[in-house]
């Protein structure tokens, strides 16, 4: 799909489901930031999918990856407004294919709700997320720049109270820059049953733009194990 423009879809603009070898290039998606469930591009149960040189403005995820998304390459994408680039939500079903081998590279977020997000329901599941690389990313005025949320529950009503069964591992953040509209710029809220493993952060600099002079961004971490190298701000203390 080359050079397509999609404007004001009632729900998802582009869906890639049950596919192999899909290339989306020079895509433009335009919708109001207040429009619900208008994901720009949604990918699931598909392999070898690339999204290149695209501009996405929407009221939900700019790009979302659901169960069974594998070998996905996203590069040179501008996102905003919207909810960022998300893996998930995952784990609603017990028997659910995992997400693996995802690269997100040279992406620019502008005033989005989230930046780089992984989200799973707090339910039993055999699913997983593994081998994900976020590389050369710029985030300008993003509310939640880096987020793993394994207690995902939009609206916070009738939320499941189990521990997420989704195993999150081998998630790499390299050369990330930008500003956060919330004090907590990095939040790893992982599963008690399956703690996140193999998180690596290298050369990450996120600053807080909403506070007073000298007030720095912070990171919170629960049930996550990993390492940091190079210059990393805010400092992540893995638990």
Protein backbone atom coordinates (compact mmCIF):
# COMPACT_ATOMS: atom_id res chain seq x y z
CA UNK A 1 0.00 0.00 0.00
CA UNK A 2 1.77 3.12 -1.23
CA UNK A 3 0.74 6.76 -0.90
CA UNK A 4 -2.69 6.17 0.65
CA UNK A 5 -4.43 8.92 2.64
CA UNK A 6 -7.20 7.98 5.11
CA UNK A 7 -9.24 10.76 6.71
CA UNK A 8 -11.71 10.56 9.61
CA UNK A 9 -12.40 6.83 9.63
CA UNK A 10 -15.21 5.83 11.98
CA UNK A 11 -12.88 3.32 13.65
CA UNK A 12 -9.51 1.78 12.67
CA UNK A 13 -8.15 3.37 9.50
CA UNK A 14 -6.05 0.44 8.23
CA UNK A 15 -6.13 -3.14 9.49
CA UNK A 16 -3.59 -5.84 8.65
CA UNK A 17 -4.88 -9.23 9.83
CA UNK A 18 -3.84 -12.74 8.79
CA UNK A 19 -1.28 -11.48 6.27
CA UNK A 20 2.29 -12.10 5.15
CA UNK A 21 4.74 -9.74 3.46
CA UNK A 22 2.88 -6.43 3.73
CA UNK A 23 4.57 -3.10 2.97
CA UNK A 24 2.85 0.17 3.88
CA UNK A 25 4.73 3.24 2.66
CA UNK A 26 4.02 6.97 2.54
CA UNK A 27 0.74 6.56 4.43
CA UNK A 28 -1.15 9.59 5.79
CA UNK A 29 -3.79 9.14 8.48
CA UNK A 30 -5.74 12.15 9.73
CA UNK A 31 -8.36 12.18 12.50
CA UNK A 32 -9.13 14.39 15.47
CA UNK A 33 -7.23 13.70 18.67
CA UNK A 34 -10.59 13.34 20.44
CA UNK A 35 -11.96 10.68 18.07
CA UNK A 36 -12.33 7.31 19.87
CA UNK A 37 -10.91 3.99 18.60
CA UNK A 38 -9.50 5.50 15.41
CA UNK A 39 -6.20 3.58 15.41
CA UNK A 40 -4.09 4.53 12.42
CA UNK A 41 -2.67 1.11 11.53
CA UNK A 42 -3.47 -2.09 13.43
CA UNK A 43 -1.43 -5.27 12.87
CA UNK A 44 -2.26 -8.73 14.21
CA UNK A 45 -1.86 -12.40 13.24
CA UNK A 46 0.54 -11.22 10.53
CA UNK A 47 4.24 -11.57 9.77
CA UNK A 48 6.79 -9.52 7.86
CA UNK A 49 4.94 -6.21 7.96
CA UNK A 50 6.69 -2.87 7.41
CA UNK A 51 5.41 0.68 7.90
CA UNK A 52 7.68 3.35 6.42
CA UNK A 53 7.75 7.13 5.84
CA UNK A 54 4.27 7.79 7.22
CA UNK A 55 2.41 10.52 9.13
CA UNK A 56 -0.35 9.55 11.54
CA UNK A 57 -2.64 11.87 13.51
CA UNK A 58 -5.48 10.17 15.33
CA UNK A 59 -7.49 9.73 18.53
CA UNK A 60 -6.09 6.32 19.45
CA UNK A 61 -2.87 4.42 18.79
CA UNK A 62 -0.96 5.65 15.77
CA UNK A 63 0.17 2.06 15.26
CA UNK A 64 -1.01 -0.89 17.35
CA UNK A 65 0.16 -4.49 17.31
CA UNK A 66 -2.18 -7.22 18.53
CA UNK A 67 -1.80 -10.97 19.14
CA UNK A 68 0.25 -12.78 16.52
CA UNK A 69 2.11 -9.76 15.15
CA UNK A 70 5.60 -10.97 14.20
CA UNK A 71 8.55 -9.56 12.29
CA UNK A 72 7.26 -5.98 12.20
CA UNK A 73 9.47 -3.09 11.05
CA UNK A 74 8.35 0.52 11.69
CA UNK A 75 10.64 3.34 10.54
CA UNK A 76 10.43 7.08 9.86
CA UNK A 77 6.94 7.62 11.22
CA UNK A 78 5.56 10.87 12.67
CA UNK A 79 2.89 10.29 15.33
CA UNK A 80 0.67 12.92 16.93
CA UNK A 81 -1.87 13.51 18.18
CA UNK A 82 -2.70 10.01 19.32
CA UNK A 83 -1.92 7.36 21.91
CA UNK A 84 1.52 6.49 20.55
CA UNK A 85 2.82 3.19 19.22
CA UNK A 86 1.49 0.28 21.25
CA UNK A 87 2.01 -3.43 21.51
CA UNK A 88 -1.33 -4.62 22.82
CA UNK A 89 -3.59 -4.77 24.41
CA UNK A 90 -2.73 -8.42 24.96
CA UNK A 91 -3.87 -11.21 27.26
CA UNK A 92 -7.64 -10.99 27.10
CA UNK A 93 -7.75 -14.62 25.96
CA UNK A 94 -5.90 -17.52 27.59
CA UNK A 95 -4.88 -19.15 24.30
CA UNK A 96 -3.34 -16.21 22.49
CA UNK A 97 -0.43 -15.98 20.04
CA UNK A 98 2.49 -13.84 21.11
CA UNK A 99 4.15 -10.76 19.63
CA UNK A 100 7.82 -10.97 18.66
CA UNK A 101 10.59 -9.48 16.54
CA UNK A 102 9.44 -5.85 16.42
CA UNK A 103 11.65 -2.87 15.48
CA UNK A 104 10.52 0.74 15.91
CA UNK A 105 13.15 3.10 14.52
CA UNK A 106 13.45 6.82 13.76
CA UNK A 107 9.98 7.70 15.01
CA UNK A 108 8.94 11.18 16.17
CA UNK A 109 6.10 11.64 18.67
CA UNK A 110 4.53 15.07 19.18
CA UNK A 111 2.24 15.70 22.18
CA UNK A 112 0.87 12.17 22.25
CA UNK A 113 -0.67 10.49 25.30
CA UNK A 114 1.90 7.69 25.19
CA UNK A 115 5.09 7.07 23.31
CA UNK A 116 6.50 3.54 23.36
CA UNK A 117 3.93 1.38 25.10
CA UNK A 118 3.32 -2.31 25.87
CA UNK A 119 -0.08 -3.02 27.45
CA UNK A 120 -1.57 -6.26 28.75
CA UNK A 121 -4.65 -7.16 30.73
CA UNK A 122 -4.26 -8.58 34.25
CA UNK A 123 -5.60 -11.99 33.22
CA UNK A 124 -4.18 -15.50 32.81
CA UNK A 125 -2.72 -16.02 29.36
CA UNK A 126 -0.14 -18.06 27.50
CA UNK A 127 0.86 -15.07 25.35
CA UNK A 128 4.17 -13.20 25.28
CA UNK A 129 6.06 -10.16 23.99
CA UNK A 130 9.73 -10.66 23.15
CA UNK A 131 12.59 -9.28 21.10
CA UNK A 132 11.48 -5.68 20.68
CA UNK A 133 13.83 -2.81 19.75
CA UNK A 134 12.98 0.89 20.12
CA UNK A 135 15.81 2.83 18.46
CA UNK A 136 16.50 6.51 17.60
CA UNK A 137 13.19 7.85 18.92
CA UNK A 138 12.30 11.49 19.66
CA UNK A 139 9.39 12.35 21.98
CA UNK A 140 8.20 15.97 22.29
CA UNK A 141 5.76 16.76 25.10
CA UNK A 142 4.58 13.17 25.53
CA UNK A 143 2.58 12.32 28.67
CA UNK A 144 3.94 8.76 29.10
CA UNK A 145 7.09 8.44 26.98
CA UNK A 146 8.10 4.87 27.95
CA UNK A 147 5.48 2.57 29.44
CA UNK A 148 4.97 -1.12 30.13
CA UNK A 149 1.54 -1.52 31.71
CA UNK A 150 0.57 -5.07 32.63
CA UNK A 151 -2.48 -3.89 34.55
CA UNK A 152 -4.10 -2.25 31.53
CA UNK A 153 -7.74 -1.30 32.07
CA UNK A 154 -9.07 1.76 30.24
CA UNK A 155 -11.65 3.62 32.25
CA UNK A 156 -10.69 1.66 35.38
CA UNK A 157 -14.09 -0.03 35.54
CA UNK A 158 -14.65 -3.77 36.06
CA UNK A 159 -10.91 -4.33 35.83
CA UNK A 160 -9.56 -7.91 36.00
CA UNK A 161 -7.67 -8.51 39.23
CA UNK A 162 -5.44 -11.42 38.27
CA UNK A 163 -1.73 -11.21 37.51
CA UNK A 164 -1.03 -10.88 33.80
CA UNK A 165 0.13 -14.12 32.21
CA UNK A 166 1.85 -12.32 29.33
CA UNK A 167 5.62 -12.80 29.54
CA UNK A 168 7.48 -9.65 28.49
CA UNK A 169 11.18 -10.13 27.72
CA UNK A 170 14.10 -8.77 25.71
CA UNK A 171 12.84 -5.20 25.33
CA UNK A 172 15.56 -2.73 24.25
CA UNK A 173 15.50 1.06 24.34
CA UNK A 174 18.42 2.74 22.53
CA UNK A 175 19.06 6.40 21.68
CA UNK A 176 15.82 7.82 23.05
CA UNK A 177 15.44 11.60 23.48
CA UNK A 178 12.66 13.95 24.45
CA UNK A 179 10.41 15.66 26.95
CA UNK A 180 7.71 14.32 29.24
CA UNK A 181 4.55 16.14 30.31
CA UNK A 182 4.36 13.97 33.43
CA UNK A 183 6.99 13.65 36.12
CA UNK A 184 7.17 9.86 35.70
CA UNK A 185 8.73 9.57 32.25
CA UNK A 186 9.53 5.85 32.46
CA UNK A 187 7.09 3.40 34.03
CA UNK A 188 7.57 -0.35 34.13
CA UNK A 189 4.52 -1.90 35.80
CA UNK A 190 5.06 -5.58 35.13
CA UNK A 191 3.32 -8.78 36.14
CA UNK A 192 3.88 -10.33 39.57
CA UNK A 193 3.36 -13.77 38.03
CA UNK A 194 5.71 -13.13 35.09
CA UNK A 195 8.11 -10.26 35.84
CA UNK A 196 9.54 -8.45 32.83
CA UNK A 197 13.01 -9.76 32.00
CA UNK A 198 15.85 -8.59 29.82
CA UNK A 199 14.96 -4.90 29.66
CA UNK A 200 17.94 -2.87 28.46
CA UNK A 201 18.26 0.90 28.29
CA UNK A 202 21.16 2.59 26.52
CA UNK A 203 21.61 6.30 25.85
CA UNK A 204 18.21 7.54 27.06
CA UNK A 205 17.52 11.16 28.00
CA UNK A 206 14.02 12.27 28.99
CA UNK A 207 13.36 15.56 30.78
CA UNK A 208 10.26 16.80 32.60
CA UNK A 209 8.71 19.95 31.17
CA UNK A 210 5.79 20.36 33.58
CA UNK A 211 7.56 21.07 36.84
CA UNK A 212 9.45 23.88 38.45
CA UNK A 213 13.05 24.76 37.88
CA UNK A 214 15.36 21.88 38.64
CA UNK A 215 12.57 19.31 38.91
CA UNK A 216 13.69 16.23 37.05
CA UNK A 217 11.81 13.36 35.45
CA UNK A 218 11.61 10.12 37.42
CA UNK A 219 11.16 6.42 36.71
CA UNK A 220 9.08 3.80 38.53
CA UNK A 221 9.68 0.08 38.32
CA UNK A 222 7.72 -2.91 39.62
CA UNK A 223 8.51 -6.56 38.85
CA UNK A 224 11.00 -5.69 36.12
CA UNK A 225 14.57 -6.88 35.66
CA UNK A 226 17.10 -5.33 33.36
CA UNK A 227 20.23 -3.25 32.88
CA UNK A 228 21.18 0.30 31.91
CA UNK A 229 24.29 1.50 30.12
CA UNK A 230 25.67 4.74 28.78
CA UNK A 231 23.85 7.92 29.83
CA UNK A 232 20.36 7.10 31.11
CA UNK A 233 18.04 9.74 32.57
CA UNK A 234 15.89 9.25 34.51
CA UNK A 235 17.68 6.51 36.41
CA UNK A 236 15.80 3.21 36.46
CA UNK A 237 16.13 1.03 39.55
CA UNK A 238 15.02 -2.42 38.51
CA UNK A 239 13.07 -4.56 40.97
